[in-house]
PDB file of N, CA and C in Angstrom:
ATOM      1  N   UNK A   1     -50.321  96.214  -5.471  1.00  0.00           N
ATOM      2  CA  UNK A   1     -49.691  95.963  -6.265  1.00  0.00           C
ATOM      3  C   UNK A   1     -49.984  97.340  -7.201  1.00  0.00           C
ATOM      4  N   UNK A   2     -49.202  98.337  -7.118  1.00  0.00           N
ATOM      5  CA  UNK A   2     -49.603  99.134  -8.178  1.00  0.00           C
ATOM      6  C   UNK A   2     -48.797  98.960  -9.470  1.00  0.00           C
ATOM      7  N   UNK A   3     -49.595 100.010 -10.520  1.00  0.00           N
ATOM      8  CA  UNK A   3     -49.503  99.140 -12.123  1.00  0.00           C
ATOM      9  C   UNK A   3     -48.131  99.939 -12.416  1.00  0.00           C
ATOM     10  N   UNK A   4     -47.659  99.614 -13.895  1.00  0.00           N
ATOM     11  CA  UNK A   4     -46.404  99.849 -14.395  1.00  0.00           C
ATOM     12  C   UNK A   4     -47.400 101.406 -15.164  1.00  0.00           C
ATOM     13  N   UNK A   5     -46.709 102.197 -14.882  1.00  0.00           N
ATOM     14  CA  UNK A   5     -46.690 103.273 -15.475  1.00  0.00           C
ATOM     15  C   UNK A   5     -45.852 103.649 -16.835  1.00  0.00           C
ATOM     16  N   UNK A   6     -45.785 103.706 -18.384  1.00  0.00           N
ATOM     17  CA  UNK A   6     -45.256 104.301 -19.351  1.00  0.00           C
ATOM     18  C   UNK A   6     -45.379 105.185 -19.487  1.00  0.00           C
ATOM     19  N   UNK A   7     -44.826 105.602 -20.207  1.00  0.00           N
ATOM     20  CA  UNK A   7     -44.763 107.526 -20.297  1.00  0.00           C
ATOM     21  C   UNK A   7     -44.134 107.373 -21.801  1.00  0.00           C
ATOM     22  N   UNK A   8     -44.779 108.829 -23.048  1.00  0.00           N
ATOM     23  CA  UNK A   8     -44.191 108.447 -23.918  1.00  0.00           C
ATOM     24  C   UNK A   8     -44.165 110.281 -24.083  1.00  0.00           C
ATOM     25  N   UNK A   9     -43.409 111.116 -24.682  1.00  0.00           N
ATOM     26  CA  UNK A   9     -43.436 112.319 -25.284  1.00  0.00           C
ATOM     27  C   UNK A   9     -43.314 112.497 -26.432  1.00  0.00           C
ATOM     28  N   UNK A  10     -44.245 112.174 -27.638  1.00  0.00           N
ATOM     29  CA  UNK A  10     -44.202 112.227 -28.983  1.00  0.00           C
ATOM     30  C   UNK A  10     -43.284 113.963 -29.384  1.00  0.00           C
ATOM     31  N   UNK A  11     -42.297 113.603 -29.850  1.00  0.00           N
ATOM     32  CA  UNK A  11     -41.629 114.845 -30.561  1.00  0.00           C
ATOM     33  C   UNK A  11     -40.949 115.706 -29.482  1.00  0.00           C
ATOM     34  N   UNK A  12     -41.064 114.872 -28.091  1.00  0.00           N
ATOM     35  CA  UNK A  12     -40.033 115.823 -26.684  1.00  0.00           C
ATOM     36  C   UNK A  12     -40.236 117.761 -26.731  1.00  0.00           C
ATOM     37  N   UNK A  13     -41.538 117.656 -26.839  1.00  0.00           N
ATOM     38  CA  UNK A  13     -41.968 119.276 -26.572  1.00  0.00           C
ATOM     39  C   UNK A  13     -42.296 119.692 -25.238  1.00  0.00           C
ATOM     40  N   UNK A  14     -42.490 118.868 -24.394  1.00  0.00           N
ATOM     41  CA  UNK A  14     -42.969 119.079 -23.070  1.00  0.00           C
ATOM     42  C   UNK A  14     -41.919 119.276 -22.013  1.00  0.00           C
ATOM     43  N   UNK A  15     -41.749 120.061 -21.251  1.00  0.00           N
ATOM     44  CA  UNK A  15     -40.701 119.699 -19.765  1.00  0.00           C
ATOM     45  C   UNK A  15     -41.159 118.714 -19.045  1.00  0.00           C
ATOM     46  N   UNK A  16     -39.975 118.774 -18.710  1.00  0.00           N
ATOM     47  CA  UNK A  16     -40.167 117.287 -17.551  1.00  0.00           C
ATOM     48  C   UNK A  16     -41.108 117.837 -16.202  1.00  0.00           C
ATOM     49  N   UNK A  17     -41.150 118.874 -15.879  1.00  0.00           N
ATOM     50  CA  UNK A  17     -42.449 118.809 -14.913  1.00  0.00           C
ATOM     51  C   UNK A  17     -43.833 118.357 -15.111  1.00  0.00           C
ATOM     52  N   UNK A  18     -43.993 118.282 -16.875  1.00  0.00           N
ATOM     53  CA  UNK A  18     -44.865 118.179 -17.593  1.00  0.00           C
ATOM     54  C   UNK A  18     -45.198 116.231 -17.399  1.00  0.00           C
ATOM     55  N   UNK A  19     -43.831 115.697 -17.508  1.00  0.00           N
ATOM     56  CA  UNK A  19     -44.062 114.468 -17.349  1.00  0.00           C
ATOM     57  C   UNK A  19     -44.724 113.459 -15.660  1.00  0.00           C
ATOM     58  N   UNK A  20     -43.899 115.060 -14.266  1.00  0.00           N
ATOM     59  CA  UNK A  20     -44.316 114.214 -13.464  1.00  0.00           C
ATOM     60  C   UNK A  20     -46.129 114.768 -12.711  1.00  0.00           C
ATOM     61  N   UNK A  21     -46.193 115.869 -13.685  1.00  0.00           N
ATOM     62  CA  UNK A  21     -47.902 116.133 -13.641  1.00  0.00           C
ATOM     63  C   UNK A  21     -48.429 115.160 -13.905  1.00  0.00           C
ATOM     64  N   UNK A  22     -47.981 114.007 -15.337  1.00  0.00           N
ATOM     65  CA  UNK A  22     -49.203 113.383 -16.233  1.00  0.00           C
ATOM     66  C   UNK A  22     -49.352 112.707 -15.487  1.00  0.00           C
ATOM     67  N   UNK A  23     -48.007 112.055 -14.280  1.00  0.00           N
ATOM     68  CA  UNK A  23     -47.577 110.550 -13.386  1.00  0.00           C
ATOM     69  C   UNK A  23     -48.379 110.592 -12.231  1.00  0.00           C
ATOM     70  N   UNK A  24     -48.574 111.732 -11.786  1.00  0.00           N
ATOM     71  CA  UNK A  24     -48.825 111.848 -10.544  1.00  0.00           C
ATOM     72  C   UNK A  24     -50.714 111.863 -10.833  1.00  0.00           C
ATOM     73  N   UNK A  25     -51.372 112.646 -11.372  1.00  0.00           N
ATOM     74  CA  UNK A  25     -52.097 111.669 -12.084  1.00  0.00           C
ATOM     75  C   UNK A  25     -52.735 111.159 -12.990  1.00  0.00           C
ATOM     76  N   UNK A  26     -51.873 110.322 -13.593  1.00  0.00           N
ATOM     77  CA  UNK A  26     -52.210 108.261 -13.947  1.00  0.00           C
ATOM     78  C   UNK A  26     -52.266 107.782 -12.619  1.00  0.00           C
ATOM     79  N   UNK A  27     -51.688 107.872 -11.202  1.00  0.00           N
ATOM     80  CA  UNK A  27     -51.619 107.130 -10.040  1.00  0.00           C
ATOM     81  C   UNK A  27     -52.677 107.232  -9.401  1.00  0.00           C
ATOM     82  N   UNK A  28     -53.748 108.446 -10.029  1.00  0.00           N
ATOM     83  CA  UNK A  28     -54.658 108.518  -9.251  1.00  0.00           C
ATOM     84  C   UNK A  28     -55.910 107.956  -9.752  1.00  0.00           C
ATOM     85  N   UNK A  29     -55.635 106.949 -10.434  1.00  0.00           N
ATOM     86  CA  UNK A  29     -56.886 105.828 -11.203  1.00  0.00           C
ATOM     87  C   UNK A  29     -56.630 104.726 -10.598  1.00  0.00           C
ATOM     88  N   UNK A  30     -55.951 104.071  -9.718  1.00  0.00           N
ATOM     89  CA  UNK A  30     -55.654 103.293  -8.984  1.00  0.00           C
ATOM     90  C   UNK A  30     -56.390 103.509  -7.989  1.00  0.00           C
ATOM     91  N   UNK A  31     -56.707 104.690  -7.555  1.00  0.00           N
ATOM     92  CA  UNK A  31     -57.828 104.351  -6.606  1.00  0.00           C
ATOM     93  C   UNK A  31     -59.186 104.308  -6.699  1.00  0.00           C
ATOM     94  N   UNK A  32     -59.561 104.385  -7.724  1.00  0.00           N
ATOM     95  CA  UNK A  32     -60.758 103.656  -8.074  1.00  0.00           C
ATOM     96  C   UNK A  32     -60.774 102.087  -8.602  1.00  0.00           C
ATOM     97  N   UNK A  33     -60.214 101.448  -9.115  1.00  0.00           N
ATOM     98  CA  UNK A  33     -59.604 100.099  -9.165  1.00  0.00           C
ATOM     99  C   UNK A  33     -58.444  99.504  -8.976  1.00  0.00           C
ATOM    100  N   UNK A  34     -58.339  98.652  -7.978  1.00  0.00           N
ATOM    101  CA  UNK A  34     -57.188  97.406  -7.439  1.00  0.00           C
ATOM    102  C   UNK A  34     -56.571  96.784  -8.656  1.00  0.00           C
ATOM    103  N   UNK A  35     -57.317  96.119  -9.703  1.00  0.00           N
ATOM    104  CA  UNK A  35     -56.912  95.504 -10.513  1.00  0.00           C
ATOM    105  C   UNK A  35     -56.070  96.231 -11.740  1.00  0.00           C
ATOM    106  N   UNK A  36     -55.804  97.720 -12.122  1.00  0.00           N
ATOM    107  CA  UNK A  36     -55.357  97.891 -12.777  1.00  0.00           C
ATOM    108  C   UNK A  36     -53.640  97.184 -12.822  1.00  0.00           C
ATOM    109  N   UNK A  37     -53.213  97.024 -14.514  1.00  0.00           N
ATOM    110  CA  UNK A  37     -52.154  96.550 -14.534  1.00  0.00           C
ATOM    111  C   UNK A  37     -50.997  97.471 -14.840  1.00  0.00           C
ATOM    112  N   UNK A  38     -51.060  97.930 -16.114  1.00  0.00           N
ATOM    113  CA  UNK A  38     -50.858  98.821 -17.145  1.00  0.00           C
ATOM    114  C   UNK A  38     -51.418 100.118 -17.328  1.00  0.00           C
ATOM    115  N   UNK A  39     -50.447 100.941 -17.173  1.00  0.00           N
ATOM    116  CA  UNK A  39     -51.131 102.141 -18.216  1.00  0.00           C
ATOM    117  C   UNK A  39     -50.174 103.225 -18.431  1.00  0.00           C
ATOM    118  N   UNK A  40     -50.154 103.577 -19.990  1.00  0.00           N
ATOM    119  CA  UNK A  40     -49.802 104.384 -20.638  1.00  0.00           C
ATOM    120  C   UNK A  40     -50.074 105.445 -21.144  1.00  0.00           C
ATOM    121  N   UNK A  41     -49.303 106.447 -21.054  1.00  0.00           N
ATOM    122  CA  UNK A  41     -49.640 108.081 -20.968  1.00  0.00           C
ATOM    123  C   UNK A  41     -48.627 108.452 -22.678  1.00  0.00           C
ATOM    124  N   UNK A  42     -49.260 109.267 -23.450  1.00  0.00           N
ATOM    125  CA  UNK A  42     -48.528 109.016 -24.822  1.00  0.00           C
ATOM    126  C   UNK A  42     -49.143 110.883 -24.977  1.00  0.00           C
ATOM    127  N   UNK A  43     -47.948 111.796 -25.076  1.00  0.00           N
ATOM    128  CA  UNK A  43     -48.259 112.941 -25.334  1.00  0.00           C
ATOM    129  C   UNK A  43     -47.876 113.961 -26.214  1.00  0.00           C
ATOM    130  N   UNK A  44     -48.771 114.643 -27.133  1.00  0.00           N
ATOM    131  CA  UNK A  44     -47.875 115.664 -28.385  1.00  0.00           C
ATOM    132  C   UNK A  44     -48.344 116.371 -28.103  1.00  0.00           C
ATOM    133  N   UNK A  45     -48.057 117.204 -29.635  1.00  0.00           N
ATOM    134  CA  UNK A  45     -48.459 118.271 -29.658  1.00  0.00           C
ATOM    135  C   UNK A  45     -48.144 118.815 -31.073  1.00  0.00           C
ATOM    136  N   UNK A  46     -49.639 119.280 -31.836  1.00  0.00           N
ATOM    137  CA  UNK A  46     -49.166 119.100 -33.467  1.00  0.00           C
ATOM    138  C   UNK A  46     -49.844 120.487 -33.464  1.00  0.00           C
ATOM    139  N   UNK A  47     -49.967 122.009 -34.106  1.00  0.00           N
ATOM    140  CA  UNK A  47     -50.706 122.842 -34.788  1.00  0.00           C
ATOM    141  C   UNK A  47     -50.843 123.423 -33.589  1.00  0.00           C
ATOM    142  N   UNK A  48     -49.959 123.409 -32.628  1.00  0.00           N
ATOM    143  CA  UNK A  48     -50.376 124.464 -30.903  1.00  0.00           C
ATOM    144  C   UNK A  48     -51.252 124.113 -30.151  1.00  0.00           C
ATOM    145  N   UNK A  49     -52.016 122.658 -31.253  1.00  0.00           N
ATOM    146  CA  UNK A  49     -52.518 121.710 -29.864  1.00  0.00           C
ATOM    147  C   UNK A  49     -51.983 120.703 -29.129  1.00  0.00           C
ATOM    148  N   UNK A  50     -52.481 120.623 -27.955  1.00  0.00           N
ATOM    149  CA  UNK A  50     -51.630 119.520 -27.414  1.00  0.00           C
ATOM    150  C   UNK A  50     -53.133 118.758 -26.918  1.00  0.00           C
ATOM    151  N   UNK A  51     -52.509 117.335 -27.857  1.00  0.00           N
ATOM    152  CA  UNK A  51     -53.156 115.894 -27.143  1.00  0.00           C
ATOM    153  C   UNK A  51     -52.554 115.069 -25.688  1.00  0.00           C
ATOM    154  N   UNK A  52     -53.435 114.805 -25.387  1.00  0.00           N
ATOM    155  CA  UNK A  52     -52.745 113.624 -24.489  1.00  0.00           C
ATOM    156  C   UNK A  52     -53.791 112.103 -24.618  1.00  0.00           C
ATOM    157  N   UNK A  53     -53.271 111.434 -24.802  1.00  0.00           N
ATOM    158  CA  UNK A  53     -53.816 109.655 -24.712  1.00  0.00           C
ATOM    159  C   UNK A  53     -53.153 109.161 -23.690  1.00  0.00           C
ATOM    160  N   UNK A  54     -54.548 107.971 -23.190  1.00  0.00           N
ATOM    161  CA  UNK A  54     -54.040 107.519 -21.845  1.00  0.00           C
ATOM    162  C   UNK A  54     -54.249 106.018 -21.867  1.00  0.00           C
ATOM    163  N   UNK A  55     -53.801 105.255 -22.137  1.00  0.00           N
ATOM    164  CA  UNK A  55     -54.693 103.574 -22.238  1.00  0.00           C
ATOM    165  C   UNK A  55     -54.232 102.876 -21.053  1.00  0.00           C
ATOM    166  N   UNK A  56     -55.015 102.019 -20.712  1.00  0.00           N
ATOM    167  CA  UNK A  56     -54.675 101.497 -19.634  1.00  0.00           C
ATOM    168  C   UNK A  56     -55.195  99.877 -19.293  1.00  0.00           C
ATOM    169  N   UNK A  57     -55.101  99.217 -19.332  1.00  0.00           N
ATOM    170  CA  UNK A  57     -54.899  97.513 -18.704  1.00  0.00           C
ATOM    171  C   UNK A  57     -55.282  97.402 -17.472  1.00  0.00           C
ATOM    172  N   UNK A  58     -56.388  96.158 -17.640  1.00  0.00           N
ATOM    173  CA  UNK A  58     -56.525  95.963 -15.950  1.00  0.00           C
ATOM    174  C   UNK A  58     -57.057  94.556 -16.319  1.00  0.00           C
ATOM    175  N   UNK A  59     -57.349  93.469 -14.937  1.00  0.00           N
ATOM    176  CA  UNK A  59     -57.842  92.363 -14.819  1.00  0.00           C
ATOM    177  C   UNK A  59     -59.284  91.782 -15.268  1.00  0.00           C
ATOM    178  N   UNK A  60     -59.392  91.015 -15.971  1.00  0.00           N
ATOM    179  CA  UNK A  60     -61.084  90.523 -16.259  1.00  0.00           C
ATOM    180  C   UNK A  60     -60.907  91.138 -17.583  1.00  0.00           C
ATOM    181  N   UNK A  61     -59.487  91.222 -18.516  1.00  0.00           N
ATOM    182  CA  UNK A  61     -59.553  91.694 -19.564  1.00  0.00           C
ATOM    183  C   UNK A  61     -60.329  92.706 -20.327  1.00  0.00           C
ATOM    184  N   UNK A  62     -59.596  93.596 -20.030  1.00  0.00           N
ATOM    185  CA  UNK A  62     -60.378  95.030 -19.410  1.00  0.00           C
ATOM    186  C   UNK A  62     -60.147  95.899 -19.823  1.00  0.00           C
ATOM    187  N   UNK A  63     -60.022  97.292 -21.222  1.00  0.00           N
ATOM    188  CA  UNK A  63     -58.983  97.686 -21.795  1.00  0.00           C
ATOM    189  C   UNK A  63     -59.900  99.586 -21.528  1.00  0.00           C
ATOM    190  N   UNK A  64     -58.767 100.464 -21.373  1.00  0.00           N
ATOM    191  CA  UNK A  64     -59.481 101.739 -21.398  1.00  0.00           C
ATOM    192  C   UNK A  64     -58.907 102.878 -21.699  1.00  0.00           C
ATOM    193  N   UNK A  65     -59.316 103.452 -22.744  1.00  0.00           N
ATOM    194  CA  UNK A  65     -58.466 104.387 -23.398  1.00  0.00           C
ATOM    195  C   UNK A  65     -59.534 105.949 -23.384  1.00  0.00           C
ATOM    196  N   UNK A  66     -58.199 106.603 -23.592  1.00  0.00           N
ATOM    197  CA  UNK A  66     -58.962 108.147 -23.134  1.00  0.00           C
ATOM    198  C   UNK A  66     -58.355 109.215 -23.897  1.00  0.00           C
ATOM    199  N   UNK A  67     -58.866 110.202 -24.567  1.00  0.00           N
ATOM    200  CA  UNK A  67     -57.748 110.903 -25.802  1.00  0.00           C
ATOM    201  C   UNK A  67     -58.641 111.832 -25.045  1.00  0.00           C
ATOM    202  N   UNK A  68     -57.565 113.162 -25.438  1.00  0.00           N
ATOM    203  CA  UNK A  68     -58.148 114.562 -25.242  1.00  0.00           C
ATOM    204  C   UNK A  68     -57.538 115.699 -26.070  1.00  0.00           C
ATOM    205  N   UNK A  69     -57.757 116.427 -26.707  1.00  0.00           N
ATOM    206  CA  UNK A  69     -56.854 117.475 -27.155  1.00  0.00           C
ATOM    207  C   UNK A  69     -57.742 119.047 -26.525  1.00  0.00           C
ATOM    208  N   UNK A  70     -56.729 120.071 -26.004  1.00  0.00           N
ATOM    209  CA  UNK A  70     -56.745 120.975 -25.713  1.00  0.00           C
ATOM    210  C   UNK A  70     -55.667 121.978 -26.379  1.00  0.00           C
ATOM    211  N   UNK A  71     -55.950 123.169 -25.764  1.00  0.00           N
ATOM    212  CA  UNK A  71     -54.644 124.176 -26.010  1.00  0.00           C
ATOM    213  C   UNK A  71     -53.281 124.244 -24.650  1.00  0.00           C
ATOM    214  N   UNK A  72     -53.922 124.035 -24.039  1.00  0.00           N
ATOM    215  CA  UNK A  72     -52.883 123.319 -22.401  1.00  0.00           C
ATOM    216  C   UNK A  72     -52.994 122.394 -22.118  1.00  0.00           C
ATOM    217  N   UNK A  73     -51.712 121.975 -22.156  1.00  0.00           N
ATOM    218  CA  UNK A  73     -51.245 120.828 -21.842  1.00  0.00           C
ATOM    219  C   UNK A  73     -51.514 119.495 -20.599  1.00  0.00           C
ATOM    220  N   UNK A  74     -51.672 120.741 -19.543  1.00  0.00           N
ATOM    221  CA  UNK A  74     -52.381 120.185 -18.610  1.00  0.00           C
ATOM    222  C   UNK A  74     -53.739 120.187 -18.126  1.00  0.00           C
ATOM    223  N   UNK A  75     -54.401 120.737 -19.025  1.00  0.00           N
ATOM    224  CA  UNK A  75     -56.201 120.617 -19.342  1.00  0.00           C
ATOM    225  C   UNK A  75     -56.252 119.526 -20.022  1.00  0.00           C
ATOM    226  N   UNK A  76     -55.517 119.362 -21.302  1.00  0.00           N
ATOM    227  CA  UNK A  76     -55.635 118.379 -21.712  1.00  0.00           C
ATOM    228  C   UNK A  76     -55.265 116.302 -20.496  1.00  0.00           C
ATOM    229  N   UNK A  77     -54.253 116.833 -20.170  1.00  0.00           N
ATOM    230  CA  UNK A  77     -54.149 115.571 -18.805  1.00  0.00           C
ATOM    231  C   UNK A  77     -55.206 115.565 -17.627  1.00  0.00           C
ATOM    232  N   UNK A  78     -55.780 116.808 -17.538  1.00  0.00           N
ATOM    233  CA  UNK A  78     -57.150 116.842 -17.208  1.00  0.00           C
ATOM    234  C   UNK A  78     -58.192 115.969 -17.292  1.00  0.00           C
ATOM    235  N   UNK A  79     -58.819 116.449 -18.154  1.00  0.00           N
ATOM    236  CA  UNK A  79     -59.597 115.939 -19.346  1.00  0.00           C
ATOM    237  C   UNK A  79     -59.853 114.391 -19.452  1.00  0.00           C
ATOM    238  N   UNK A  80     -58.963 114.413 -20.166  1.00  0.00           N
ATOM    239  CA  UNK A  80     -57.910 112.479 -20.530  1.00  0.00           C
ATOM    240  C   UNK A  80     -58.763 111.750 -18.590  1.00  0.00           C
ATOM    241  N   UNK A  81     -58.088 112.369 -18.074  1.00  0.00           N
ATOM    242  CA  UNK A  81     -57.803 111.535 -16.742  1.00  0.00           C
ATOM    243  C   UNK A  81     -59.407 111.972 -16.266  1.00  0.00           C
ATOM    244  N   UNK A  82     -59.924 112.078 -16.220  1.00  0.00           N
ATOM    245  CA  UNK A  82     -61.560 112.686 -15.784  1.00  0.00           C
ATOM    246  C   UNK A  82     -62.301 111.572 -16.755  1.00  0.00           C
ATOM    247  N   UNK A  83     -62.317 111.334 -18.057  1.00  0.00           N
ATOM    248  CA  UNK A  83     -62.711 110.410 -18.667  1.00  0.00           C
ATOM    249  C   UNK A  83     -62.317 109.317 -18.275  1.00  0.00           C
ATOM    250  N   UNK A  84     -61.084 108.870 -18.493  1.00  0.00           N
ATOM    251  CA  UNK A  84     -61.097 107.335 -17.386  1.00  0.00           C
ATOM    252  C   UNK A  84     -61.269 107.284 -16.235  1.00  0.00           C
ATOM    253  N   UNK A  85     -60.954 108.069 -15.370  1.00  0.00           N
ATOM    254  CA  UNK A  85     -61.963 107.697 -14.068  1.00  0.00           C
ATOM    255  C   UNK A  85     -63.924 107.357 -14.403  1.00  0.00           C
ATOM    256  N   UNK A  86     -64.187 108.173 -15.194  1.00  0.00           N
ATOM    257  CA  UNK A  86     -65.735 107.545 -15.244  1.00  0.00           C
ATOM    258  C   UNK A  86     -65.403 106.385 -15.830  1.00  0.00           C
ATOM    259  N   UNK A  87     -65.106 105.932 -16.738  1.00  0.00           N
ATOM    260  CA  UNK A  87     -64.927 105.116 -17.079  1.00  0.00           C
ATOM    261  C   UNK A  87     -64.447 103.779 -16.490  1.00  0.00           C
ATOM    262  N   UNK A  88     -63.789 103.769 -15.571  1.00  0.00           N
ATOM    263  CA  UNK A  88     -63.532 102.708 -15.020  1.00  0.00           C
ATOM    264  C   UNK A  88     -64.025 102.270 -13.794  1.00  0.00           C
ATOM    265  N   UNK A  89     -64.759 103.368 -12.875  1.00  0.00           N
ATOM    266  CA  UNK A  89     -66.031 103.458 -12.400  1.00  0.00           C
ATOM    267  C   UNK A  89     -66.833 102.503 -12.875  1.00  0.00           C
ATOM    268  N   UNK A  90     -67.573 102.694 -14.071  1.00  0.00           N
ATOM    269  CA  UNK A  90     -68.344 102.360 -14.953  1.00  0.00           C
ATOM    270  C   UNK A  90     -68.656 100.933 -14.851  1.00  0.00           C
ATOM    271  N   UNK A  91     -66.822 100.033 -15.087  1.00  0.00           N
ATOM    272  CA  UNK A  91     -66.949  99.153 -15.391  1.00  0.00           C
ATOM    273  C   UNK A  91     -66.790  98.214 -14.212  1.00  0.00           C
ATOM    274  N   UNK A  92     -65.991  99.360 -13.005  1.00  0.00           N
ATOM    275  CA  UNK A  92     -66.431  98.747 -11.870  1.00  0.00           C
ATOM    276  C   UNK A  92     -67.111  98.001 -11.267  1.00  0.00           C
ATOM    277  N   UNK A  93     -67.953  98.923 -11.370  1.00  0.00           N
ATOM    278  CA  UNK A  93     -69.368  98.931 -10.672  1.00  0.00           C
ATOM    279  C   UNK A  93     -70.407  97.493 -11.728  1.00  0.00           C
ATOM    280  N   UNK A  94     -70.641  97.878 -13.049  1.00  0.00           N
ATOM    281  CA  UNK A  94     -70.773  96.778 -14.072  1.00  0.00           C
ATOM    282  C   UNK A  94     -70.151  95.343 -13.604  1.00  0.00           C
ATOM    283  N   UNK A  95     -69.368  95.028 -13.080  1.00  0.00           N
ATOM    284  CA  UNK A  95     -68.179  93.979 -13.270  1.00  0.00           C
ATOM    285  C   UNK A  95     -69.257  93.733 -11.323  1.00  0.00           C
ATOM    286  N   UNK A  96     -69.123  94.443 -10.570  1.00  0.00           N
ATOM    287  CA  UNK A  96     -69.434  93.585  -9.167  1.00  0.00           C
ATOM    288  C   UNK A  96     -71.172  93.895  -9.026  1.00  0.00           C
ATOM    289  N   UNK A  97     -72.049  94.392  -9.930  1.00  0.00           N
ATOM    290  CA  UNK A  97     -73.396  93.852 -10.466  1.00  0.00           C
ATOM    291  C   UNK A  97     -73.430  92.772 -11.043  1.00  0.00           C
ATOM    292  N   UNK A  98     -72.963  92.433 -11.411  1.00  0.00           N
ATOM    293  CA  UNK A  98     -72.672  91.422 -12.184  1.00  0.00           C
ATOM    294  C   UNK A  98     -72.683  90.522 -11.569  1.00  0.00           C
ATOM    295  N   UNK A  99     -71.409  90.073 -10.062  1.00  0.00           N
ATOM    296  CA  UNK A  99     -71.007  89.083  -9.099  1.00  0.00           C
ATOM    297  C   UNK A  99     -72.043  89.029  -8.509  1.00  0.00           C
ATOM    298  N   UNK A 100     -72.775  90.217  -8.199  1.00  0.00           N
ATOM    299  CA  UNK A 100     -74.044  89.902  -6.990  1.00  0.00           C
ATOM    300  C   UNK A 100     -75.282  89.493  -7.609  1.00  0.00           C
ATOM    301  N   UNK A 101     -75.108  89.229  -9.219  1.00  0.00           N
ATOM    302  CA  UNK A 101     -76.440  89.036  -9.784  1.00  0.00           C
ATOM    303  C   UNK A 101     -77.781  89.212  -9.723  1.00  0.00           C
ATOM    304  N   UNK A 102     -77.722  90.349  -9.397  1.00  0.00           N
ATOM    305  CA  UNK A 102     -78.718  91.169  -9.829  1.00  0.00           C
ATOM    306  C   UNK A 102     -79.329  91.644 -11.043  1.00  0.00           C
ATOM    307  N   UNK A 103     -80.649  91.559 -11.024  1.00  0.00           N
ATOM    308  CA  UNK A 103     -81.423  91.147 -12.136  1.00  0.00           C
ATOM    309  C   UNK A 103     -81.021  92.483 -13.135  1.00  0.00           C
ATOM    310  N   UNK A 104     -80.614  92.321 -14.518  1.00  0.00           N
ATOM    311  CA  UNK A 104     -81.200  93.334 -15.640  1.00  0.00           C
ATOM    312  C   UNK A 104     -81.883  94.214 -15.373  1.00  0.00           C
ATOM    313  N   UNK A 105     -81.722  95.216 -15.290  1.00  0.00           N
ATOM    314  CA  UNK A 105     -82.666  97.201 -15.538  1.00  0.00           C
ATOM    315  C   UNK A 105     -83.435  97.010 -16.613  1.00  0.00           C
ATOM    316  N   UNK A 106     -84.783  96.758 -16.578  1.00  0.00           N
ATOM    317  CA  UNK A 106     -85.508  96.728 -17.522  1.00  0.00           C
ATOM    318  C   UNK A 106     -86.058  98.257 -18.151  1.00  0.00           C
ATOM    319  N   UNK A 107     -86.312  99.018 -18.837  1.00  0.00           N
ATOM    320  CA  UNK A 107     -85.890 100.387 -19.421  1.00  0.00           C
ATOM    321  C   UNK A 107     -87.473 100.145 -20.048  1.00  0.00           C
ATOM    322  N   UNK A 108     -89.077 100.467 -19.420  1.00  0.00           N
ATOM    323  CA  UNK A 108     -89.435 100.743 -20.069  1.00  0.00           C
ATOM    324  C   UNK A 108     -90.434 101.892 -20.635  1.00  0.00           C
TER     325      UNK A 108
END
């Protein structure tokens, strides 16, 4: 089941190809965790800086938030997707390790 993807372009500053690029990048997140239910992409531009924010809802009451700002809108999308990939992979590993009943690591 693929998640619902919502796209918001605040102040409508970006061309249509940016929307396609953002949607394509957001769909990549489903490769890391099957339990994604909703992805919300928010793009904005202020003072020459492009900001991208992605909110992800998943099963097990998990929520992920990524925000990035850059001079280029494409770079800000790439940065925020990379941040979310790390968050999702880490959360999935925690969930998997918890279910296996592995003992907690001791930091000595």
